[in-house]
Amino acid sequence: MSKGFDEMRKAKEESYFEKKNREALARLAKKKEEEKPRISPVSGEPMEQVALHGVVIDKCPVSGGIWLDAGELEELMDIAAKGEGKEGSTVYSFFKSLTGTP
């Protein structure tokens, strides 16, 4: 029964973050229409904006560097604090998505 509950919890968590990412991407699309892309301080190339657990962050496509705007780190830390610190948790997913590993 515990395994079933864990699977249900994980499915709900994934659904929640999918919804948050869709919302963030919609905000991102609107924002892209209004402003120029930011330039990577490392490569000089335009950075791409990606949604990470509902938070839009800037990522250099060349170096893989991540830049956060004011308040974004705190948002990600709040999300991570709600995780359980084990595989399958928000923290684990966060670092996996930053590194791009499967």
PDB file of N, CA and C in Angstrom:
ATOM      1  N   MET A   1       0.826  -1.186   0.000  1.00  0.00           N
ATOM      2  CA  MET A   1       0.000   0.000   0.000  1.00  0.00           C
ATOM      3  C   MET A   1       0.876   1.257   0.000  1.00  0.00           C
ATOM      4  N   SER A   2       1.966   1.210   0.684  1.00  0.00           N
ATOM      5  CA  SER A   2       2.876   2.344   0.742  1.00  0.00           C
ATOM      6  C   SER A   2       3.424   2.673  -0.632  1.00  0.00           C
ATOM      7  N   LYS A   3       3.743   1.647  -1.411  1.00  0.00           N
ATOM      8  CA  LYS A   3       4.282   1.865  -2.750  1.00  0.00           C
ATOM      9  C   LYS A   3       3.244   2.550  -3.635  1.00  0.00           C
ATOM     10  N   GLY A   4       2.004   2.121  -3.544  1.00  0.00           N
ATOM     11  CA  GLY A   4       0.923   2.731  -4.316  1.00  0.00           C
ATOM     12  C   GLY A   4       0.737   4.192  -3.949  1.00  0.00           C
ATOM     13  N   PHE A   5       0.819   4.487  -2.652  1.00  0.00           N
ATOM     14  CA  PHE A   5       0.693   5.867  -2.191  1.00  0.00           C
ATOM     15  C   PHE A   5       1.855   6.706  -2.719  1.00  0.00           C
ATOM     16  N   ASP A   6       3.073   6.167  -2.676  1.00  0.00           N
ATOM     17  CA  ASP A   6       4.242   6.889  -3.178  1.00  0.00           C
ATOM     18  C   ASP A   6       4.108   7.167  -4.675  1.00  0.00           C
ATOM     19  N   GLU A   7       3.617   6.198  -5.427  1.00  0.00           N
ATOM     20  CA  GLU A   7       3.434   6.384  -6.867  1.00  0.00           C
ATOM     21  C   GLU A   7       2.386   7.448  -7.147  1.00  0.00           C
ATOM     22  N   MET A   8       1.309   7.441  -6.375  1.00  0.00           N
ATOM     23  CA  MET A   8       0.260   8.435  -6.546  1.00  0.00           C
ATOM     24  C   MET A   8       0.795   9.830  -6.199  1.00  0.00           C
ATOM     25  N   ARG A   9       1.562   9.930  -5.116  1.00  0.00           N
ATOM     26  CA  ARG A   9       2.140  11.206  -4.710  1.00  0.00           C
ATOM     27  C   ARG A   9       3.077  11.736  -5.789  1.00  0.00           C
ATOM     28  N   LYS A  10       3.898  10.854  -6.331  1.00  0.00           N
ATOM     29  CA  LYS A  10       4.845  11.254  -7.370  1.00  0.00           C
ATOM     30  C   LYS A  10       4.103  11.708  -8.622  1.00  0.00           C
ATOM     31  N   ALA A  11       3.046  11.005  -8.996  1.00  0.00           N
ATOM     32  CA  ALA A  11       2.261  11.385 -10.177  1.00  0.00           C
ATOM     33  C   ALA A  11       1.619  12.752  -9.981  1.00  0.00           C
ATOM     34  N   LYS A  12       1.105  13.010  -8.777  1.00  0.00           N
ATOM     35  CA  LYS A  12       0.504  14.318  -8.493  1.00  0.00           C
ATOM     36  C   LYS A  12       1.569  15.416  -8.513  1.00  0.00           C
ATOM     37  N   GLU A  13       2.745  15.112  -7.981  1.00  0.00           N
ATOM     38  CA  GLU A  13       3.834  16.083  -7.979  1.00  0.00           C
ATOM     39  C   GLU A  13       4.256  16.405  -9.413  1.00  0.00           C
ATOM     40  N   GLU A  14       4.397  15.381 -10.239  1.00  0.00           N
ATOM     41  CA  GLU A  14       4.779  15.594 -11.633  1.00  0.00           C
ATOM     42  C   GLU A  14       3.722  16.407 -12.368  1.00  0.00           C
ATOM     43  N   SER A  15       2.452  16.118 -12.111  1.00  0.00           N
ATOM     44  CA  SER A  15       1.360  16.852 -12.740  1.00  0.00           C
ATOM     45  C   SER A  15       1.391  18.322 -12.320  1.00  0.00           C
ATOM     46  N   TYR A  16       1.644  18.558 -11.042  1.00  0.00           N
ATOM     47  CA  TYR A  16       1.723  19.920 -10.520  1.00  0.00           C
ATOM     48  C   TYR A  16       2.833  20.692 -11.220  1.00  0.00           C
ATOM     49  N   PHE A  17       4.027  20.087 -11.336  1.00  0.00           N
ATOM     50  CA  PHE A  17       5.143  20.787 -11.948  1.00  0.00           C
ATOM     51  C   PHE A  17       4.959  20.939 -13.457  1.00  0.00           C
ATOM     52  N   GLU A  18       4.278  20.018 -14.091  1.00  0.00           N
ATOM     53  CA  GLU A  18       3.963  20.188 -15.511  1.00  0.00           C
ATOM     54  C   GLU A  18       3.081  21.412 -15.698  1.00  0.00           C
ATOM     55  N   LYS A  19       2.094  21.568 -14.824  1.00  0.00           N
ATOM     56  CA  LYS A  19       1.200  22.725 -14.886  1.00  0.00           C
ATOM     57  C   LYS A  19       1.990  24.004 -14.649  1.00  0.00           C
ATOM     58  N   LYS A  20       2.855  24.005 -13.642  1.00  0.00           N
ATOM     59  CA  LYS A  20       3.663  25.186 -13.345  1.00  0.00           C
ATOM     60  C   LYS A  20       4.593  25.522 -14.512  1.00  0.00           C
ATOM     61  N   ASN A  21       5.168  24.511 -15.133  1.00  0.00           N
ATOM     62  CA  ASN A  21       6.046  24.755 -16.276  1.00  0.00           C
ATOM     63  C   ASN A  21       5.273  25.334 -17.457  1.00  0.00           C
ATOM     64  N   ARG A  22       4.048  24.831 -17.701  1.00  0.00           N
ATOM     65  CA  ARG A  22       3.222  25.391 -18.775  1.00  0.00           C
ATOM     66  C   ARG A  22       2.917  26.868 -18.507  1.00  0.00           C
ATOM     67  N   GLU A  23       2.574  27.183 -17.249  1.00  0.00           N
ATOM     68  CA  GLU A  23       2.292  28.572 -16.882  1.00  0.00           C
ATOM     69  C   GLU A  23       3.535  29.439 -17.071  1.00  0.00           C
ATOM     70  N   ALA A  24       4.678  28.918 -16.644  1.00  0.00           N
ATOM     71  CA  ALA A  24       5.926  29.669 -16.775  1.00  0.00           C
ATOM     72  C   ALA A  24       6.279  29.881 -18.243  1.00  0.00           C
ATOM     73  N   LEU A  25       6.070  28.863 -19.063  1.00  0.00           N
ATOM     74  CA  LEU A  25       6.365  28.990 -20.482  1.00  0.00           C
ATOM     75  C   LEU A  25       5.432  29.995 -21.160  1.00  0.00           C
ATOM     76  N   ALA A  26       4.187  30.066 -20.705  1.00  0.00           N
ATOM     77  CA  ALA A  26       3.254  31.058 -21.242  1.00  0.00           C
ATOM     78  C   ALA A  26       3.721  32.468 -20.867  1.00  0.00           C
ATOM     79  N   ARG A  27       4.163  32.643 -19.605  1.00  0.00           N
ATOM     80  CA  ARG A  27       4.706  33.941 -19.193  1.00  0.00           C
ATOM     81  C   ARG A  27       5.960  34.266 -19.996  1.00  0.00           C
ATOM     82  N   LEU A  28       6.754  33.254 -20.237  1.00  0.00           N
ATOM     83  CA  LEU A  28       7.996  33.419 -20.995  1.00  0.00           C
ATOM     84  C   LEU A  28       7.709  33.858 -22.422  1.00  0.00           C
ATOM     85  N   ALA A  29       6.729  33.247 -23.059  1.00  0.00           N
ATOM     86  CA  ALA A  29       6.377  33.609 -24.435  1.00  0.00           C
ATOM     87  C   ALA A  29       5.930  35.067 -24.504  1.00  0.00           C
ATOM     88  N   LYS A  30       5.147  35.481 -23.524  1.00  0.00           N
ATOM     89  CA  LYS A  30       4.690  36.870 -23.482  1.00  0.00           C
ATOM     90  C   LYS A  30       5.873  37.809 -23.246  1.00  0.00           C
ATOM     91  N   LYS A  31       6.765  37.413 -22.358  1.00  0.00           N
ATOM     92  CA  LYS A  31       7.936  38.230 -22.036  1.00  0.00           C
ATOM     93  C   LYS A  31       8.870  38.350 -23.234  1.00  0.00           C
ATOM     94  N   LYS A  32       9.029  37.263 -24.002  1.00  0.00           N
ATOM     95  CA  LYS A  32       9.910  37.280 -25.175  1.00  0.00           C
ATOM     96  C   LYS A  32       9.441  38.290 -26.209  1.00  0.00           C
ATOM     97  N   GLU A  33       8.139  38.467 -26.303  1.00  0.00           N
ATOM     98  CA  GLU A  33       7.584  39.426 -27.248  1.00  0.00           C
ATOM     99  C   GLU A  33       7.943  40.854 -26.844  1.00  0.00           C
ATOM    100  N   GLU A  34       8.164  41.070 -25.553  1.00  0.00           N
ATOM    101  CA  GLU A  34       8.347  42.417 -25.028  1.00  0.00           C
ATOM    102  C   GLU A  34       9.808  42.842 -24.882  1.00  0.00           C
ATOM    103  N   GLU A  35      10.748  41.906 -24.800  1.00  0.00           N
ATOM    104  CA  GLU A  35      12.131  42.305 -24.546  1.00  0.00           C
ATOM    105  C   GLU A  35      13.138  41.479 -25.338  1.00  0.00           C
ATOM    106  N   LYS A  36      14.347  42.010 -25.432  1.00  0.00           N
ATOM    107  CA  LYS A  36      15.434  41.335 -26.138  1.00  0.00           C
ATOM    108  C   LYS A  36      15.985  40.209 -25.274  1.00  0.00           C
ATOM    109  N   PRO A  37      16.569  39.177 -25.910  1.00  0.00           N
ATOM    110  CA  PRO A  37      17.175  38.100 -25.114  1.00  0.00           C
ATOM    111  C   PRO A  37      18.414  38.603 -24.378  1.00  0.00           C
ATOM    112  N   ARG A  38      18.677  38.025 -23.232  1.00  0.00           N
ATOM    113  CA  ARG A  38      19.874  38.369 -22.471  1.00  0.00           C
ATOM    114  C   ARG A  38      21.080  37.696 -23.100  1.00  0.00           C
ATOM    115  N   ILE A  39      22.212  38.333 -22.947  1.00  0.00           N
ATOM    116  CA  ILE A  39      23.460  37.815 -23.504  1.00  0.00           C
ATOM    117  C   ILE A  39      24.246  37.131 -22.397  1.00  0.00           C
ATOM    118  N   SER A  40      24.780  35.965 -22.711  1.00  0.00           N
ATOM    119  CA  SER A  40      25.578  35.214 -21.743  1.00  0.00           C
ATOM    120  C   SER A  40      26.885  35.945 -21.461  1.00  0.00           C
ATOM    121  N   PRO A  41      27.214  36.154 -20.187  1.00  0.00           N
ATOM    122  CA  PRO A  41      28.489  36.793 -19.869  1.00  0.00           C
ATOM    123  C   PRO A  41      29.684  35.889 -20.164  1.00  0.00           C
ATOM    124  N   VAL A  42      29.444  34.602 -20.367  1.00  0.00           N
ATOM    125  CA  VAL A  42      30.524  33.656 -20.645  1.00  0.00           C
ATOM    126  C   VAL A  42      30.812  33.574 -22.139  1.00  0.00           C
ATOM    127  N   SER A  43      29.776  33.318 -22.932  1.00  0.00           N
ATOM    128  CA  SER A  43      29.981  33.080 -24.363  1.00  0.00           C
ATOM    129  C   SER A  43      29.629  34.263 -25.254  1.00  0.00           C
ATOM    130  N   GLY A  44      28.853  35.211 -24.732  1.00  0.00           N
ATOM    131  CA  GLY A  44      28.404  36.332 -25.550  1.00  0.00           C
ATOM    132  C   GLY A  44      27.224  36.000 -26.434  1.00  0.00           C
ATOM    133  N   GLU A  45      26.739  34.775 -26.355  1.00  0.00           N
ATOM    134  CA  GLU A  45      25.584  34.328 -27.145  1.00  0.00           C
ATOM    135  C   GLU A  45      24.290  34.624 -26.387  1.00  0.00           C
ATOM    136  N   PRO A  46      23.166  34.749 -27.110  1.00  0.00           N
ATOM    137  CA  PRO A  46      21.879  34.921 -26.420  1.00  0.00           C
ATOM    138  C   PRO A  46      21.574  33.695 -25.553  1.00  0.00           C
ATOM    139  N   MET A  47      21.110  33.948 -24.339  1.00  0.00           N
ATOM    140  CA  MET A  47      20.772  32.848 -23.441  1.00  0.00           C
ATOM    141  C   MET A  47      19.358  32.372 -23.735  1.00  0.00           C
ATOM    142  N   GLU A  48      19.114  31.109 -23.450  1.00  0.00           N
ATOM    143  CA  GLU A  48      17.770  30.562 -23.592  1.00  0.00           C
ATOM    144  C   GLU A  48      17.114  30.592 -22.222  1.00  0.00           C
ATOM    145  N   GLN A  49      15.828  30.760 -22.232  1.00  0.00           N
ATOM    146  CA  GLN A  49      15.086  30.741 -20.975  1.00  0.00           C
ATOM    147  C   GLN A  49      14.360  29.412 -20.894  1.00  0.00           C
ATOM    148  N   VAL A  50      14.486  28.768 -19.754  1.00  0.00           N
ATOM    149  CA  VAL A  50      13.859  27.473 -19.535  1.00  0.00           C
ATOM    150  C   VAL A  50      13.077  27.506 -18.227  1.00  0.00           C
ATOM    151  N   ALA A  51      12.028  26.704 -18.175  1.00  0.00           N
ATOM    152  CA  ALA A  51      11.216  26.605 -16.966  1.00  0.00           C
ATOM    153  C   ALA A  51      11.732  25.446 -16.126  1.00  0.00           C
ATOM    154  N   LEU A  52      12.014  25.730 -14.872  1.00  0.00           N
ATOM    155  CA  LEU A  52      12.495  24.723 -13.940  1.00  0.00           C
ATOM    156  C   LEU A  52      11.564  24.728 -12.740  1.00  0.00           C
ATOM    157  N   HIS A  53      10.720  23.713 -12.648  1.00  0.00           N
ATOM    158  CA  HIS A  53       9.729  23.608 -11.577  1.00  0.00           C
ATOM    159  C   HIS A  53       8.889  24.881 -11.471  1.00  0.00           C
ATOM    160  N   GLY A  54       8.547  25.444 -12.625  1.00  0.00           N
ATOM    161  CA  GLY A  54       7.685  26.615 -12.658  1.00  0.00           C
ATOM    162  C   GLY A  54       8.420  27.933 -12.533  1.00  0.00           C
ATOM    163  N   VAL A  55       9.730  27.920 -12.422  1.00  0.00           N
ATOM    164  CA  VAL A  55      10.536  29.136 -12.323  1.00  0.00           C
ATOM    165  C   VAL A  55      11.312  29.282 -13.629  1.00  0.00           C
ATOM    166  N   VAL A  56      11.197  30.450 -14.270  1.00  0.00           N
ATOM    167  CA  VAL A  56      11.890  30.688 -15.533  1.00  0.00           C
ATOM    168  C   VAL A  56      13.303  31.173 -15.220  1.00  0.00           C
ATOM    169  N   ILE A  57      14.303  30.433 -15.718  1.00  0.00           N
ATOM    170  CA  ILE A  57      15.701  30.783 -15.487  1.00  0.00           C
ATOM    171  C   ILE A  57      16.407  30.962 -16.818  1.00  0.00           C
ATOM    172  N   ASP A  58      17.548  31.643 -16.802  1.00  0.00           N
ATOM    173  CA  ASP A  58      18.347  31.867 -18.007  1.00  0.00           C
ATOM    174  C   ASP A  58      19.480  30.853 -18.039  1.00  0.00           C
ATOM    175  N   LYS A  59      19.689  30.240 -19.223  1.00  0.00           N
ATOM    176  CA  LYS A  59      20.725  29.228 -19.372  1.00  0.00           C
ATOM    177  C   LYS A  59      21.523  29.516 -20.634  1.00  0.00           C
ATOM    178  N   CYS A  60      22.858  29.479 -20.501  1.00  0.00           N
ATOM    179  CA  CYS A  60      23.737  29.668 -21.648  1.00  0.00           C
ATOM    180  C   CYS A  60      23.773  28.360 -22.437  1.00  0.00           C
ATOM    181  N   PRO A  61      23.395  28.387 -23.722  1.00  0.00           N
ATOM    182  CA  PRO A  61      23.401  27.151 -24.500  1.00  0.00           C
ATOM    183  C   PRO A  61      24.806  26.638 -24.807  1.00  0.00           C
ATOM    184  N   VAL A  62      25.812  27.499 -24.701  1.00  0.00           N
ATOM    185  CA  VAL A  62      27.186  27.105 -24.995  1.00  0.00           C
ATOM    186  C   VAL A  62      27.875  26.529 -23.758  1.00  0.00           C
ATOM    187  N   SER A  63      27.881  27.298 -22.661  1.00  0.00           N
ATOM    188  CA  SER A  63      28.604  26.873 -21.453  1.00  0.00           C
ATOM    189  C   SER A  63      27.744  26.044 -20.511  1.00  0.00           C
ATOM    190  N   GLY A  64      26.413  26.139 -20.642  1.00  0.00           N
ATOM    191  CA  GLY A  64      25.523  25.438 -19.722  1.00  0.00           C
ATOM    192  C   GLY A  64      25.330  26.187 -18.414  1.00  0.00           C
ATOM    193  N   GLY A  65      25.916  27.386 -18.310  1.00  0.00           N
ATOM    194  CA  GLY A  65      25.783  28.191 -17.094  1.00  0.00           C
ATOM    195  C   GLY A  65      24.346  28.619 -16.862  1.00  0.00           C
ATOM    196  N   ILE A  66      23.984  28.750 -15.596  1.00  0.00           N
ATOM    197  CA  ILE A  66      22.633  29.132 -15.192  1.00  0.00           C
ATOM    198  C   ILE A  66      22.696  30.485 -14.490  1.00  0.00           C
ATOM    199  N   TRP A  67      21.798  31.399 -14.850  1.00  0.00           N
ATOM    200  CA  TRP A  67      21.708  32.689 -14.180  1.00  0.00           C
ATOM    201  C   TRP A  67      20.294  32.855 -13.652  1.00  0.00           C
ATOM    202  N   LEU A  68      20.206  33.336 -12.422  1.00  0.00           N
ATOM    203  CA  LEU A  68      18.922  33.517 -11.762  1.00  0.00           C
ATOM    204  C   LEU A  68      18.680  34.995 -11.507  1.00  0.00           C
ATOM    205  N   ASP A  69      17.443  35.423 -11.699  1.00  0.00           N
ATOM    206  CA  ASP A  69      17.051  36.786 -11.381  1.00  0.00           C
ATOM    207  C   ASP A  69      16.733  36.870  -9.892  1.00  0.00           C
ATOM    208  N   ALA A  70      16.536  38.086  -9.429  1.00  0.00           N
ATOM    209  CA  ALA A  70      16.205  38.305  -8.025  1.00  0.00           C
ATOM    210  C   ALA A  70      14.968  37.497  -7.643  1.00  0.00           C
ATOM    211  N   GLY A  71      15.079  36.761  -6.571  1.00  0.00           N
ATOM    212  CA  GLY A  71      13.956  35.991  -6.038  1.00  0.00           C
ATOM    213  C   GLY A  71      13.845  34.578  -6.586  1.00  0.00           C
ATOM    214  N   GLU A  72      14.502  34.284  -7.710  1.00  0.00           N
ATOM    215  CA  GLU A  72      14.373  32.950  -8.301  1.00  0.00           C
ATOM    216  C   GLU A  72      15.068  31.886  -7.455  1.00  0.00           C
ATOM    217  N   LEU A  73      16.211  32.216  -6.882  1.00  0.00           N
ATOM    218  CA  LEU A  73      16.900  31.251  -6.026  1.00  0.00           C
ATOM    219  C   LEU A  73      16.037  30.908  -4.818  1.00  0.00           C
ATOM    220  N   GLU A  74      15.429  31.910  -4.233  1.00  0.00           N
ATOM    221  CA  GLU A  74      14.565  31.674  -3.076  1.00  0.00           C
ATOM    222  C   GLU A  74      13.366  30.797  -3.451  1.00  0.00           C
ATOM    223  N   GLU A  75      12.801  31.047  -4.631  1.00  0.00           N
ATOM    224  CA  GLU A  75      11.688  30.213  -5.089  1.00  0.00           C
ATOM    225  C   GLU A  75      12.122  28.756  -5.236  1.00  0.00           C
ATOM    226  N   LEU A  76      13.279  28.546  -5.863  1.00  0.00           N
ATOM    227  CA  LEU A  76      13.781  27.183  -6.049  1.00  0.00           C
ATOM    228  C   LEU A  76      14.128  26.540  -4.713  1.00  0.00           C
ATOM    229  N   MET A  77      14.653  27.326  -3.784  1.00  0.00           N
ATOM    230  CA  MET A  77      14.976  26.789  -2.459  1.00  0.00           C
ATOM    231  C   MET A  77      13.703  26.391  -1.705  1.00  0.00           C
ATOM    232  N   ASP A  78      12.642  27.191  -1.852  1.00  0.00           N
ATOM    233  CA  ASP A  78      11.370  26.840  -1.216  1.00  0.00           C
ATOM    234  C   ASP A  78      10.824  25.531  -1.780  1.00  0.00           C
ATOM    235  N   ILE A  79      10.928  25.382  -3.086  1.00  0.00           N
ATOM    236  CA  ILE A  79      10.467  24.149  -3.729  1.00  0.00           C
ATOM    237  C   ILE A  79      11.299  22.976  -3.233  1.00  0.00           C
ATOM    238  N   ALA A  80      12.627  23.166  -3.172  1.00  0.00           N
ATOM    239  CA  ALA A  80      13.524  22.100  -2.724  1.00  0.00           C
ATOM    240  C   ALA A  80      13.271  21.744  -1.264  1.00  0.00           C
ATOM    241  N   ALA A  81      12.950  22.729  -0.439  1.00  0.00           N
ATOM    242  CA  ALA A  81      12.717  22.482   0.989  1.00  0.00           C
ATOM    243  C   ALA A  81      11.493  21.594   1.205  1.00  0.00           C
ATOM    244  N   LYS A  82      10.575  21.603   0.270  1.00  0.00           N
ATOM    245  CA  LYS A  82       9.379  20.778   0.393  1.00  0.00           C
ATOM    246  C   LYS A  82       9.635  19.329   0.010  1.00  0.00           C
ATOM    247  N   GLY A  83      10.778  19.081  -0.667  1.00  0.00           N
ATOM    248  CA  GLY A  83      11.148  17.719  -1.060  1.00  0.00           C
ATOM    249  C   GLY A  83      11.614  16.925   0.146  1.00  0.00           C
ATOM    250  N   GLU A  84      11.796  15.649  -0.047  1.00  0.00           N
ATOM    251  CA  GLU A  84      12.178  14.767   1.045  1.00  0.00           C
ATOM    252  C   GLU A  84      13.660  14.436   1.036  1.00  0.00           C
ATOM    253  N   GLY A  85      14.429  15.014   0.101  1.00  0.00           N
ATOM    254  CA  GLY A  85      15.863  14.795   0.065  1.00  0.00           C
ATOM    255  C   GLY A  85      16.285  13.407  -0.374  1.00  0.00           C
ATOM    256  N   LYS A  86      15.452  12.716  -1.109  1.00  0.00           N
ATOM    257  CA  LYS A  86      15.813  11.387  -1.601  1.00  0.00           C
ATOM    258  C   LYS A  86      15.486  11.307  -3.081  1.00  0.00           C
ATOM    259  N   GLU A  87      15.937  10.240  -3.716  1.00  0.00           N
ATOM    260  CA  GLU A  87      15.688  10.073  -5.140  1.00  0.00           C
ATOM    261  C   GLU A  87      14.190  10.164  -5.411  1.00  0.00           C
ATOM    262  N   GLY A  88      13.840  10.919  -6.422  1.00  0.00           N
ATOM    263  CA  GLY A  88      12.440  11.137  -6.757  1.00  0.00           C
ATOM    264  C   GLY A  88      11.893  12.417  -6.153  1.00  0.00           C
ATOM    265  N   SER A  89      12.645  13.040  -5.244  1.00  0.00           N
ATOM    266  CA  SER A  89      12.183  14.268  -4.618  1.00  0.00           C
ATOM    267  C   SER A  89      12.464  15.462  -5.522  1.00  0.00           C
ATOM    268  N   THR A  90      11.962  16.597  -5.142  1.00  0.00           N
ATOM    269  CA  THR A  90      12.159  17.816  -5.902  1.00  0.00           C
ATOM    270  C   THR A  90      13.631  18.176  -6.005  1.00  0.00           C
ATOM    271  N   VAL A  91      14.376  18.037  -4.912  1.00  0.00           N
ATOM    272  CA  VAL A  91      15.799  18.380  -4.928  1.00  0.00           C
ATOM    273  C   VAL A  91      16.537  17.509  -5.939  1.00  0.00           C
ATOM    274  N   TYR A  92      16.258  16.228  -5.900  1.00  0.00           N
ATOM    275  CA  TYR A  92      16.908  15.297  -6.822  1.00  0.00           C
ATOM    276  C   TYR A  92      16.565  15.672  -8.263  1.00  0.00           C
ATOM    277  N   SER A  93      15.305  15.922  -8.549  1.00  0.00           N
ATOM    278  CA  SER A  93      14.877  16.302  -9.905  1.00  0.00           C
ATOM    279  C   SER A  93      15.513  17.615 -10.339  1.00  0.00           C
ATOM    280  N   PHE A  94      15.646  18.548  -9.398  1.00  0.00           N
ATOM    281  CA  PHE A  94      16.237  19.839  -9.689  1.00  0.00           C
ATOM    282  C   PHE A  94      17.666  19.681 -10.199  1.00  0.00           C
ATOM    283  N   PHE A  95      18.477  18.949  -9.461  1.00  0.00           N
ATOM    284  CA  PHE A  95      19.864  18.793  -9.878  1.00  0.00           C
ATOM    285  C   PHE A  95      19.985  17.942 -11.139  1.00  0.00           C
ATOM    286  N   LYS A  96      19.132  16.956 -11.302  1.00  0.00           N
ATOM    287  CA  LYS A  96      19.150  16.152 -12.528  1.00  0.00           C
ATOM    288  C   LYS A  96      18.808  17.031 -13.732  1.00  0.00           C
ATOM    289  N   SER A  97      17.830  17.922 -13.594  1.00  0.00           N
ATOM    290  CA  SER A  97      17.447  18.752 -14.731  1.00  0.00           C
ATOM    291  C   SER A  97      18.503  19.815 -15.037  1.00  0.00           C
ATOM    292  N   LEU A  98      19.234  20.276 -14.039  1.00  0.00           N
ATOM    293  CA  LEU A  98      20.306  21.232 -14.291  1.00  0.00           C
ATOM    294  C   LEU A  98      21.454  20.598 -15.065  1.00  0.00           C
ATOM    295  N   THR A  99      21.768  19.364 -14.738  1.00  0.00           N
ATOM    296  CA  THR A  99      22.900  18.717 -15.388  1.00  0.00           C
ATOM    297  C   THR A  99      22.505  18.093 -16.712  1.00  0.00           C
ATOM    298  N   GLY A 100      21.215  17.923 -16.943  1.00  0.00           N
ATOM    299  CA  GLY A 100      20.754  17.334 -18.203  1.00  0.00           C
ATOM    300  C   GLY A 100      20.970  15.837 -18.291  1.00  0.00           C
ATOM    301  N   THR A 101      21.214  15.185 -17.158  1.00  0.00           N
ATOM    302  CA  THR A 101      21.409  13.740 -17.164  1.00  0.00           C
ATOM    303  C   THR A 101      20.065  13.046 -17.059  1.00  0.00           C
ATOM    304  N   PRO A 102      19.938  11.861 -17.669  1.00  0.00           N
ATOM    305  CA  PRO A 102      18.652  11.136 -17.629  1.00  0.00           C
ATOM    306  C   PRO A 102      18.361  10.529 -16.265  1.00  0.00           C
TER     307      PRO A 102
END
